[in-house]
Amino acid sequence: MLIAAVGLDEHGHKQSARSASGRQGENAEVCTSLITELVGGLDTARPILAVLDGSKALASAVKQVWANAL
């Protein structure tokens, strides 16, 4: 399994941000690790839109990590 984060700049150009891999289906540990790394490189003082694929583990990780980053 591979989870990838892709960002868009102010001109709409895609930029690969981070990726993480795991052995079994998406799980909270892999997702939380990816989001934690991603937040470390972002300006969280500016609004950020997170678009997810419906994964409960990924949604949980975003909520948990962003709550601690703000």
N, C-alpha and C. Protein backbone atom coordinates (compact mmCIF):
# COMPACT_ATOMS: atom_id res chain seq x y z
N MET A 1 0.84 -1.15 0.00
CA MET A 1 0.00 0.00 0.00
C MET A 1 0.89 1.23 0.00
N LEU A 2 0.50 2.22 -0.78
CA LEU A 2 1.23 3.48 -0.85
C LEU A 2 0.25 4.62 -0.69
N ILE A 3 0.56 5.55 0.20
CA ILE A 3 -0.26 6.74 0.40
C ILE A 3 0.59 7.91 -0.05
N ALA A 4 0.04 8.77 -0.90
CA ALA A 4 0.79 9.91 -1.40
C ALA A 4 0.02 11.19 -1.14
N ALA A 5 0.77 12.23 -0.83
CA ALA A 5 0.20 13.57 -0.65
C ALA A 5 0.68 14.41 -1.82
N VAL A 6 -0.25 15.04 -2.51
CA VAL A 6 0.07 15.89 -3.64
C VAL A 6 -0.45 17.29 -3.33
N GLY A 7 0.37 18.28 -3.57
CA GLY A 7 -0.03 19.66 -3.30
C GLY A 7 -0.17 20.44 -4.59
N LEU A 8 -0.90 21.53 -4.52
CA LEU A 8 -1.03 22.45 -5.64
C LEU A 8 -0.48 23.81 -5.21
N ASP A 9 0.30 24.44 -6.09
CA ASP A 9 0.77 25.78 -5.77
C ASP A 9 -0.26 26.81 -6.20
N GLU A 10 0.05 28.08 -6.01
CA GLU A 10 -0.91 29.14 -6.30
C GLU A 10 -1.27 29.24 -7.78
N HIS A 11 -0.49 28.57 -8.65
CA HIS A 11 -0.77 28.56 -10.08
C HIS A 11 -1.47 27.29 -10.54
N GLY A 12 -1.76 26.39 -9.60
CA GLY A 12 -2.44 25.15 -9.92
C GLY A 12 -1.52 24.02 -10.37
N HIS A 13 -0.20 24.20 -10.23
CA HIS A 13 0.74 23.17 -10.62
C HIS A 13 0.87 22.13 -9.50
N LYS A 14 0.81 20.86 -9.87
CA LYS A 14 0.92 19.78 -8.89
C LYS A 14 2.36 19.63 -8.41
N GLN A 15 2.49 19.34 -7.13
CA GLN A 15 3.79 19.09 -6.53
C GLN A 15 3.67 17.90 -5.60
N SER A 16 4.53 16.92 -5.79
CA SER A 16 4.54 15.77 -4.89
C SER A 16 5.06 16.23 -3.55
N ALA A 17 4.29 16.01 -2.50
CA ALA A 17 4.67 16.50 -1.18
C ALA A 17 5.35 15.41 -0.35
N ARG A 18 4.70 14.30 -0.13
CA ARG A 18 5.23 13.21 0.68
C ARG A 18 4.54 11.91 0.26
N SER A 19 5.15 10.80 0.65
CA SER A 19 4.51 9.51 0.46
C SER A 19 4.93 8.60 1.61
N ALA A 20 4.11 7.59 1.87
CA ALA A 20 4.40 6.61 2.92
C ALA A 20 3.87 5.26 2.45
N SER A 21 4.52 4.21 2.88
CA SER A 21 4.07 2.88 2.49
C SER A 21 3.88 2.02 3.73
N GLY A 22 3.05 1.02 3.60
CA GLY A 22 2.77 0.09 4.68
C GLY A 22 2.49 -1.28 4.12
N ARG A 23 2.47 -2.28 4.99
CA ARG A 23 2.27 -3.66 4.54
C ARG A 23 0.81 -4.00 4.34
N GLN A 24 -0.04 -3.56 5.22
CA GLN A 24 -1.45 -3.91 5.11
C GLN A 24 -2.24 -2.69 4.66
N GLY A 25 -3.54 -2.84 4.52
CA GLY A 25 -4.37 -1.72 4.08
C GLY A 25 -4.10 -0.46 4.86
N GLU A 26 -4.64 0.65 4.40
CA GLU A 26 -4.41 1.92 5.08
C GLU A 26 -4.69 1.76 6.57
N ASN A 27 -3.74 2.18 7.37
CA ASN A 27 -3.95 2.12 8.81
C ASN A 27 -3.57 3.45 9.44
N ALA A 28 -4.01 3.66 10.63
CA ALA A 28 -3.83 4.94 11.31
C ALA A 28 -2.36 5.30 11.51
N GLU A 29 -1.52 4.33 11.79
CA GLU A 29 -0.11 4.61 12.05
C GLU A 29 0.59 5.18 10.82
N VAL A 30 0.39 4.57 9.66
CA VAL A 30 1.01 5.04 8.42
C VAL A 30 0.45 6.41 8.05
N CYS A 31 -0.85 6.58 8.16
CA CYS A 31 -1.49 7.85 7.81
C CYS A 31 -1.04 8.97 8.73
N THR A 32 -0.98 8.69 10.03
CA THR A 32 -0.56 9.70 10.99
C THR A 32 0.89 10.10 10.75
N SER A 33 1.73 9.16 10.44
CA SER A 33 3.13 9.45 10.15
C SER A 33 3.25 10.36 8.92
N LEU A 34 2.51 10.05 7.87
CA LEU A 34 2.54 10.85 6.65
C LEU A 34 2.07 12.28 6.92
N ILE A 35 0.95 12.43 7.58
CA ILE A 35 0.40 13.76 7.84
C ILE A 35 1.31 14.56 8.77
N THR A 36 1.91 13.91 9.75
CA THR A 36 2.83 14.58 10.66
C THR A 36 4.02 15.15 9.90
N GLU A 37 4.60 14.36 9.00
CA GLU A 37 5.72 14.83 8.17
C GLU A 37 5.28 15.98 7.28
N LEU A 38 4.11 15.86 6.72
CA LEU A 38 3.60 16.88 5.80
C LEU A 38 3.40 18.20 6.52
N VAL A 39 2.78 18.18 7.69
CA VAL A 39 2.51 19.41 8.45
C VAL A 39 3.81 20.11 8.82
N GLY A 40 4.86 19.34 9.07
CA GLY A 40 6.15 19.94 9.43
C GLY A 40 6.71 20.85 8.35
N GLY A 41 6.31 20.66 7.11
CA GLY A 41 6.81 21.47 6.01
C GLY A 41 5.83 22.51 5.49
N LEU A 42 4.70 22.68 6.16
CA LEU A 42 3.68 23.62 5.70
C LEU A 42 3.58 24.83 6.61
N ASP A 43 3.13 25.94 6.04
CA ASP A 43 2.82 27.13 6.81
C ASP A 43 1.39 26.98 7.31
N THR A 44 1.23 26.49 8.54
CA THR A 44 -0.11 26.21 9.05
C THR A 44 -0.82 27.47 9.53
N ALA A 45 -0.17 28.63 9.42
CA ALA A 45 -0.83 29.89 9.75
C ALA A 45 -1.78 30.30 8.62
N ARG A 46 -1.55 29.75 7.43
CA ARG A 46 -2.42 30.02 6.29
C ARG A 46 -3.46 28.91 6.18
N PRO A 47 -4.63 29.22 5.61
CA PRO A 47 -5.66 28.20 5.44
C PRO A 47 -5.16 27.05 4.55
N ILE A 48 -5.54 25.84 4.92
CA ILE A 48 -5.15 24.65 4.17
C ILE A 48 -6.39 23.82 3.90
N LEU A 49 -6.54 23.38 2.68
CA LEU A 49 -7.66 22.52 2.30
C LEU A 49 -7.13 21.11 2.12
N ALA A 50 -7.66 20.16 2.88
CA ALA A 50 -7.28 18.76 2.75
C ALA A 50 -8.40 18.02 2.04
N VAL A 51 -8.11 17.46 0.88
CA VAL A 51 -9.08 16.68 0.12
C VAL A 51 -8.69 15.23 0.26
N LEU A 52 -9.59 14.42 0.81
CA LEU A 52 -9.28 13.03 1.13
C LEU A 52 -10.08 12.08 0.24
N ASP A 53 -9.65 10.83 0.21
CA ASP A 53 -10.29 9.83 -0.65
C ASP A 53 -11.38 9.02 0.05
N GLY A 54 -11.73 9.36 1.26
CA GLY A 54 -12.76 8.61 1.97
C GLY A 54 -12.21 7.65 3.01
N SER A 55 -10.90 7.53 3.11
CA SER A 55 -10.28 6.65 4.09
C SER A 55 -10.53 7.17 5.50
N LYS A 56 -11.09 6.32 6.36
CA LYS A 56 -11.35 6.71 7.74
C LYS A 56 -10.04 6.93 8.49
N ALA A 57 -9.02 6.12 8.22
CA ALA A 57 -7.73 6.26 8.88
C ALA A 57 -7.07 7.58 8.50
N LEU A 58 -7.16 7.96 7.24
CA LEU A 58 -6.57 9.20 6.77
C LEU A 58 -7.31 10.41 7.34
N ALA A 59 -8.63 10.36 7.35
CA ALA A 59 -9.43 11.46 7.91
C ALA A 59 -9.11 11.64 9.39
N SER A 60 -9.00 10.55 10.12
CA SER A 60 -8.68 10.61 11.54
C SER A 60 -7.30 11.22 11.76
N ALA A 61 -6.34 10.82 10.95
CA ALA A 61 -4.98 11.34 11.07
C ALA A 61 -4.94 12.84 10.80
N VAL A 62 -5.64 13.29 9.77
CA VAL A 62 -5.67 14.72 9.45
C VAL A 62 -6.27 15.51 10.62
N LYS A 63 -7.38 15.05 11.14
CA LYS A 63 -8.01 15.75 12.27
C LYS A 63 -7.11 15.78 13.49
N GLN A 64 -6.50 14.66 13.81
CA GLN A 64 -5.64 14.56 14.99
C GLN A 64 -4.39 15.43 14.84
N VAL A 65 -3.69 15.33 13.74
CA VAL A 65 -2.43 16.04 13.56
C VAL A 65 -2.68 17.54 13.40
N TRP A 66 -3.68 17.93 12.63
CA TRP A 66 -3.94 19.36 12.42
C TRP A 66 -4.41 20.01 13.71
N ALA A 67 -5.15 19.32 14.54
CA ALA A 67 -5.59 19.88 15.82
C ALA A 67 -4.40 20.20 16.70
N ASN A 68 -3.36 19.38 16.63
CA ASN A 68 -2.16 19.61 17.44
C ASN A 68 -1.25 20.65 16.82
N ALA A 69 -1.36 20.87 15.50
CA ALA A 69 -0.46 21.81 14.82
C ALA A 69 -0.96 23.24 14.93
N LEU A 70 -2.23 23.42 15.22
CA LEU A 70 -2.80 24.78 15.25
C LEU A 70 -2.68 25.41 16.62
